[in-house]
Amino acid sequence: MNFIEALSTDNLDAIKTIPKTDVHSHAFLSTRLENLEHWLGHPLERPPPKMRGLEGMMEYVNAVLSDHIITPDSFKFVASSGIRDAVQDGVVVLEMSFDIRLAEYYPDELVGVRSFLDGLIEQYRTQVNLRPELGFPRTHADDSKLMALAHEAIELKLFQAIDLYDRQEACPPEAVKPLYKKAREAGMKLKAHVGEFKDAEEVRRTVEVLDLDEVQHGIAAAESVEVMRWLSEHQIQLNVCPTSNVMLDAVPDLAAHPIRALYDNGVPVTINTDDLMIFGQSVSEEYRNLYRAGVFNAEELDDIRRASLVRGVSNPDN
């Protein structure tokens, strides 16, 4: 059964067998909540169906999850389990961000990080093309030690891409421009979170300041035909996470998701998980959800899937 048939017949098992990408996934929250519960041996409170943006999400994370995911052993479990979840979902290219603060888990800092990442890549080499990303939080842009670690990680070629995340207002893109310049010179793919909740113009400005290849979320670009046209002309890919956008109240519901407008205006888009532990939808389920909500027909979703694979395969070293 091909992807179009699988979607049209609502056959999730068949959808999962068909190759796809996940290029917006955070390692610390990358596995299903049920997997963490099984590892812990007890249940955890479920996230609310609607949260007040990133602040609401972090309230849930801090109240329910943090104590269970921030230890070295728990993080290693979550990251490995997240990779297995992706493999079981038919993901063949997985670009997963690892927060630079991961170095704090190891007495030898980045040497330990290298060993951990190399081990993951080797363990799952035959199942998925795992491409670790250097994740840097905007809230720590003025942390000289963490910034120095990030620069060193780029020099050591530990990561294949870089991603900037956390609250958009925490720092302007100019604050990390030297870091991104170094990443560009090292041949890394450049990504950043921007435009998850507002401001189409800030999406374009951040792409220009940091010379981004791709934007994580970026759905606010749909507010401006001019910005969408610019993204299309420059072939800047938006890595969209539909359920995340709904649950964090960036959009009211799936049927109203602006990914439709982005697609119609020629902006390259991909469909991704973001944080599987919180949003609970695999890439296959996200495709099915968009189909069920009438956002796309099966042929259009297959076009998105195929294009994401082509772009993934065409950048094997990124």
Protein backbone atom coordinates (compact mmCIF):
# COMPACT_ATOMS: atom_id res chain seq x y z
CA MET A 1 0.00 0.00 0.00
CA ASN A 2 1.39 3.40 -0.93
CA PHE A 3 1.19 6.57 1.16
CA ILE A 4 -1.84 8.01 -0.62
CA GLU A 5 -3.78 4.77 -0.23
CA ALA A 6 -2.77 4.47 3.41
CA LEU A 7 -3.99 7.98 4.17
CA SER A 8 -7.18 7.58 2.18
CA THR A 9 -8.10 4.38 4.04
CA ASP A 10 -6.99 5.75 7.44
CA ASN A 11 -4.52 2.89 7.82
CA LEU A 12 -2.06 4.21 10.40
CA ASP A 13 -0.03 0.99 10.47
CA ALA A 14 0.56 1.31 6.73
CA ILE A 15 1.38 5.02 7.02
CA LYS A 16 4.09 4.17 9.56
CA THR A 17 5.85 1.80 7.15
CA ILE A 18 6.41 4.51 4.52
CA PRO A 19 9.65 6.59 4.68
CA LYS A 20 9.43 10.11 6.08
CA THR A 21 11.54 12.69 7.89
CA ASP A 22 11.43 14.39 11.28
CA VAL A 23 13.62 17.49 11.19
CA HIS A 24 12.21 19.31 14.23
CA SER A 25 12.68 17.20 17.35
CA HIS A 26 14.15 18.06 20.76
CA ALA A 27 16.06 15.21 22.39
CA PHE A 28 15.08 16.05 25.98
CA LEU A 29 11.38 15.53 25.20
CA SER A 30 11.63 13.21 22.21
CA THR A 31 9.90 10.02 23.39
CA ARG A 32 6.31 9.24 24.26
CA LEU A 33 5.20 9.96 27.81
CA GLU A 34 4.14 6.31 28.13
CA ASN A 35 7.73 5.21 27.56
CA LEU A 36 9.01 7.47 30.31
CA GLU A 37 6.28 6.22 32.64
CA HIS A 38 7.25 2.60 31.95
CA TRP A 39 10.92 3.40 32.61
CA LEU A 40 10.03 5.20 35.85
CA GLY A 41 7.54 2.57 36.94
CA HIS A 42 4.68 4.96 37.70
CA PRO A 43 2.21 7.20 35.84
CA LEU A 44 2.60 10.94 35.30
CA GLU A 45 0.06 13.71 34.87
CA ARG A 46 -0.93 14.29 31.25
CA PRO A 47 -0.35 17.70 29.63
CA PRO A 48 -3.45 19.87 29.24
CA PRO A 49 -4.95 19.97 25.72
CA LYS A 50 -4.30 23.73 25.57
CA MET A 51 -1.38 25.57 27.12
CA ARG A 52 -0.59 29.27 27.16
CA GLY A 53 2.31 29.32 24.75
CA LEU A 54 5.82 28.38 25.80
CA GLU A 55 5.18 29.71 29.31
CA GLY A 56 2.29 27.30 29.77
CA MET A 57 4.30 24.44 28.37
CA MET A 58 7.22 25.13 30.71
CA GLU A 59 4.85 25.29 33.69
CA TYR A 60 3.81 21.73 32.86
CA VAL A 61 7.39 20.60 32.20
CA ASN A 62 8.68 22.08 35.46
CA ALA A 63 5.76 20.76 37.53
CA VAL A 64 5.56 17.24 36.08
CA LEU A 65 8.55 16.26 33.96
CA SER A 66 11.73 18.07 34.97
CA ASP A 67 12.66 15.93 37.96
CA HIS A 68 12.35 12.82 35.79
CA ILE A 69 14.23 13.90 32.65
CA ILE A 70 17.16 16.07 33.73
CA THR A 71 19.43 13.40 35.19
CA PRO A 72 22.14 11.90 32.96
CA ASP A 73 20.58 8.43 33.04
CA SER A 74 17.06 9.66 32.32
CA PHE A 75 18.24 11.85 29.46
CA LYS A 76 20.13 8.96 27.87
CA PHE A 77 16.98 6.85 28.12
CA VAL A 78 14.71 9.55 26.66
CA ALA A 79 17.00 10.31 23.71
CA SER A 80 17.48 6.62 22.83
CA SER A 81 13.77 5.92 23.25
CA GLY A 82 12.94 8.91 21.07
CA ILE A 83 15.11 7.54 18.29
CA ARG A 84 13.39 4.16 18.57
CA ASP A 85 9.99 5.88 18.40
CA ALA A 86 11.06 7.60 15.20
CA VAL A 87 12.33 4.37 13.66
CA GLN A 88 9.05 2.61 14.49
CA ASP A 89 7.23 5.47 12.79
CA GLY A 90 9.10 5.07 9.51
CA VAL A 91 11.37 8.08 9.99
CA VAL A 92 14.53 7.60 7.95
CA VAL A 93 16.07 11.07 8.47
CA LEU A 94 16.01 12.38 12.05
CA GLU A 95 17.45 15.80 12.84
CA MET A 96 17.35 15.94 16.64
CA SER A 97 18.60 18.87 18.73
CA PHE A 98 20.75 18.27 21.81
CA ASP A 99 20.93 21.24 24.16
CA ILE A 100 24.50 22.43 24.75
CA ARG A 101 23.82 22.14 28.49
CA LEU A 102 24.14 18.39 27.94
CA ALA A 103 27.90 18.95 28.42
CA GLU A 104 27.25 19.57 32.12
CA TYR A 105 26.51 15.84 32.51
CA TYR A 106 30.10 14.87 31.76
CA PRO A 107 33.26 15.66 33.77
CA ASP A 108 35.12 16.00 30.47
CA GLU A 109 32.22 18.00 28.98
CA LEU A 110 32.37 17.89 25.17
CA VAL A 111 34.51 14.75 25.08
CA GLY A 112 31.68 12.96 26.86
CA VAL A 113 29.11 14.52 24.53
CA ARG A 114 31.05 13.28 21.51
CA SER A 115 31.17 9.75 22.88
CA PHE A 116 27.44 9.77 23.62
CA LEU A 117 26.42 11.13 20.20
CA ASP A 118 28.81 8.86 18.30
CA GLY A 119 27.37 5.91 20.21
CA LEU A 120 23.81 6.84 19.26
CA ILE A 121 24.69 7.33 15.59
CA GLU A 122 26.47 3.98 15.46
CA GLN A 123 23.76 2.12 17.38
CA TYR A 124 21.00 3.20 14.99
CA ARG A 125 23.06 3.61 11.82
CA THR A 126 21.25 0.87 9.89
CA GLN A 127 17.81 2.13 10.91
CA VAL A 128 17.86 5.91 10.60
CA ASN A 129 20.10 8.74 9.43
CA LEU A 130 20.50 10.49 12.80
CA ARG A 131 21.83 14.05 12.46
CA PRO A 132 22.49 15.64 15.84
CA GLU A 133 21.93 19.38 16.10
CA LEU A 134 23.56 21.82 18.50
CA GLY A 135 20.68 23.30 20.48
CA PHE A 136 21.24 26.70 22.05
CA PRO A 137 18.67 28.44 24.31
CA ARG A 138 18.03 32.13 23.70
CA THR A 139 17.77 32.65 27.46
CA HIS A 140 21.49 31.85 27.79
CA ALA A 141 22.86 34.09 25.05
CA ASP A 142 24.74 36.12 27.68
CA ASP A 143 26.18 33.04 29.42
CA SER A 144 29.85 33.28 28.48
CA LYS A 145 30.69 29.72 29.58
CA LEU A 146 27.85 28.17 27.63
CA MET A 147 28.61 30.29 24.57
CA ALA A 148 32.26 29.24 24.71
CA LEU A 149 31.16 25.59 24.90
CA ALA A 150 28.95 26.07 21.84
CA HIS A 151 31.84 27.61 19.88
CA GLU A 152 34.09 24.74 20.93
CA ALA A 153 31.46 22.17 19.91
CA ILE A 154 31.41 23.69 16.43
CA GLU A 155 35.21 23.61 16.23
CA LEU A 156 35.16 19.94 17.25
CA LYS A 157 32.52 19.18 14.60
CA LEU A 158 30.22 17.43 17.09
CA PHE A 159 27.00 18.49 15.38
CA GLN A 160 25.64 18.65 11.85
CA ALA A 161 23.29 21.59 12.38
CA ILE A 162 22.51 24.35 14.88
CA ASP A 163 19.17 25.45 16.31
CA LEU A 164 18.26 28.46 18.45
CA TYR A 165 15.17 28.13 20.62
CA ASP A 166 13.24 29.30 23.68
CA ARG A 167 11.26 32.54 23.98
CA GLN A 168 11.75 34.68 20.88
CA GLU A 169 11.93 37.87 22.94
CA ALA A 170 14.72 36.50 25.18
CA CYS A 171 17.40 37.76 22.79
CA PRO A 172 17.61 39.23 19.28
CA PRO A 173 19.24 37.15 16.56
CA GLU A 174 22.18 39.56 16.51
CA ALA A 175 23.23 38.20 19.93
CA VAL A 176 24.16 34.84 18.42
CA LYS A 177 25.33 36.01 15.00
CA PRO A 178 29.04 35.18 15.66
CA LEU A 179 28.03 31.65 16.70
CA TYR A 180 26.02 31.20 13.51
CA LYS A 181 28.82 32.64 11.40
CA LYS A 182 31.17 30.01 12.82
CA ALA A 183 28.58 27.28 12.21
CA ARG A 184 28.21 28.40 8.58
CA GLU A 185 31.97 28.30 8.09
CA ALA A 186 31.98 24.77 9.54
CA GLY A 187 29.43 23.63 6.95
CA MET A 188 26.57 23.13 9.41
CA LYS A 189 22.89 23.57 8.54
CA LEU A 190 21.52 26.72 10.19
CA LYS A 191 18.09 26.68 11.86
CA ALA A 192 16.32 28.81 14.47
CA HIS A 193 12.94 28.97 16.15
CA VAL A 194 11.09 32.11 15.13
CA GLY A 195 7.56 33.09 14.21
CA GLU A 196 5.87 30.40 16.25
CA PHE A 197 3.32 32.86 17.61
CA LYS A 198 3.64 36.23 15.87
CA ASP A 199 5.44 38.63 13.58
CA ALA A 200 5.95 37.61 9.97
CA GLU A 201 8.56 40.30 9.48
CA GLU A 202 10.67 38.91 12.33
CA VAL A 203 10.76 35.58 10.50
CA ARG A 204 12.36 37.23 7.47
CA ARG A 205 14.67 39.40 9.61
CA THR A 206 15.96 36.40 11.58
CA VAL A 207 16.61 34.45 8.38
CA GLU A 208 18.59 37.38 7.01
CA VAL A 209 20.57 38.13 10.19
CA LEU A 210 21.57 34.52 10.85
CA ASP A 211 21.69 33.36 7.20
CA LEU A 212 19.29 30.53 8.03
CA ASP A 213 18.69 27.54 5.82
CA GLU A 214 15.50 26.54 7.64
CA VAL A 215 13.06 27.92 10.22
CA GLN A 216 11.62 25.92 13.10
CA HIS A 217 7.87 26.72 13.08
CA GLY A 218 7.79 30.11 11.27
CA ILE A 219 4.03 29.87 10.83
CA ALA A 220 3.57 33.61 11.54
CA ALA A 221 4.95 34.15 8.02
CA ALA A 222 1.45 33.31 6.78
CA GLU A 223 0.34 36.73 8.04
CA SER A 224 2.19 38.36 5.15
CA VAL A 225 1.94 37.44 1.48
CA GLU A 226 5.12 39.43 0.90
CA VAL A 227 7.08 37.42 3.48
CA MET A 228 5.72 34.13 2.14
CA ARG A 229 6.75 35.17 -1.36
CA TRP A 230 10.23 36.02 -0.06
CA LEU A 231 10.57 32.67 1.70
CA SER A 232 9.42 30.89 -1.44
CA GLU A 233 11.87 32.79 -3.66
CA HIS A 234 14.75 31.97 -1.31
CA GLN A 235 13.52 28.40 -0.73
CA ILE A 236 13.64 28.74 3.05
CA GLN A 237 12.08 25.61 4.51
CA LEU A 238 9.69 25.87 7.47
CA ASN A 239 9.74 22.83 9.76
CA VAL A 240 6.18 22.86 11.09
CA CYS A 241 4.77 20.97 14.08
CA PRO A 242 0.96 21.14 13.76
CA THR A 243 -0.16 19.61 17.08
CA SER A 244 2.41 21.67 18.97
CA ASN A 245 1.01 24.82 17.39
CA VAL A 246 -2.54 23.89 18.41
CA MET A 247 -1.73 22.81 21.96
CA LEU A 248 0.38 25.91 22.60
CA ASP A 249 -2.47 28.04 21.25
CA ALA A 250 -0.51 29.49 18.34
CA VAL A 251 -3.50 28.46 16.19
CA PRO A 252 -7.06 27.75 17.38
CA ASP A 253 -7.38 24.30 15.81
CA LEU A 254 -5.88 22.07 13.16
CA ALA A 255 -8.40 22.99 10.46
CA ALA A 256 -7.28 26.63 10.71
CA HIS A 257 -3.55 25.84 10.60
CA PRO A 258 -1.62 28.29 8.36
CA ILE A 259 0.49 25.49 6.87
CA ARG A 260 -2.13 25.47 4.12
CA ALA A 261 -1.48 29.10 3.22
CA LEU A 262 2.27 28.57 3.38
CA TYR A 263 2.05 25.59 1.03
CA ASP A 264 -0.26 27.44 -1.38
CA ASN A 265 2.22 30.32 -1.54
CA GLY A 266 5.12 28.07 -2.47
CA VAL A 267 6.90 27.99 0.89
CA PRO A 268 8.69 24.64 1.42
CA VAL A 269 7.22 22.96 4.52
CA THR A 270 7.89 19.78 6.45
CA ILE A 271 5.76 18.04 9.10
CA ASN A 272 7.37 17.14 12.41
CA THR A 273 6.89 16.15 16.07
CA ASP A 274 8.61 18.90 18.10
CA ASP A 275 8.27 17.29 21.56
CA LEU A 276 6.64 13.85 21.37
CA MET A 277 6.53 13.56 25.17
CA ILE A 278 4.20 16.56 25.40
CA PHE A 279 2.30 16.65 22.11
CA GLY A 280 1.96 12.90 21.69
CA GLN A 281 1.76 12.77 17.89
CA SER A 282 4.24 10.97 15.68
CA VAL A 283 5.01 12.24 12.19
CA SER A 284 2.66 9.62 10.75
CA GLU A 285 -0.11 10.78 13.08
CA GLU A 286 0.54 14.41 12.14
CA TYR A 287 0.07 13.54 8.46
CA ARG A 288 -3.11 11.66 9.28
CA ASN A 289 -4.40 14.51 11.46
CA LEU A 290 -3.92 17.05 8.67
CA TYR A 291 -5.70 14.76 6.24
CA ARG A 292 -8.61 14.14 8.63
CA ALA A 293 -8.95 17.87 9.31
CA GLY A 294 -9.23 18.58 5.59
CA VAL A 295 -6.13 20.79 5.54
CA PHE A 296 -4.59 18.80 2.68
CA ASN A 297 -5.66 15.97 0.44
CA ALA A 298 -3.64 12.75 0.32
CA GLU A 299 -1.77 13.72 -2.84
CA GLU A 300 -0.64 17.03 -1.35
CA LEU A 301 0.57 15.36 1.83
CA ASP A 302 2.50 12.86 -0.26
CA ASP A 303 4.09 15.78 -2.13
CA ILE A 304 5.19 17.27 1.20
CA ARG A 305 6.54 13.91 2.37
CA ARG A 306 8.44 13.27 -0.86
CA ALA A 307 9.90 16.78 -0.98
CA SER A 308 11.15 16.46 2.61
CA LEU A 309 12.89 13.21 1.69
CA VAL A 310 14.48 14.72 -1.41
CA ARG A 311 15.82 17.65 0.58
CA GLY A 312 17.04 15.28 3.28
CA VAL A 313 18.85 12.98 0.89
CA SER A 314 20.30 15.89 -1.09
CA ASN A 315 22.02 17.12 2.11
CA PRO A 316 23.48 13.87 3.48
CA ASP A 317 26.28 15.67 5.33
CA ASN A 318 24.03 18.25 6.99
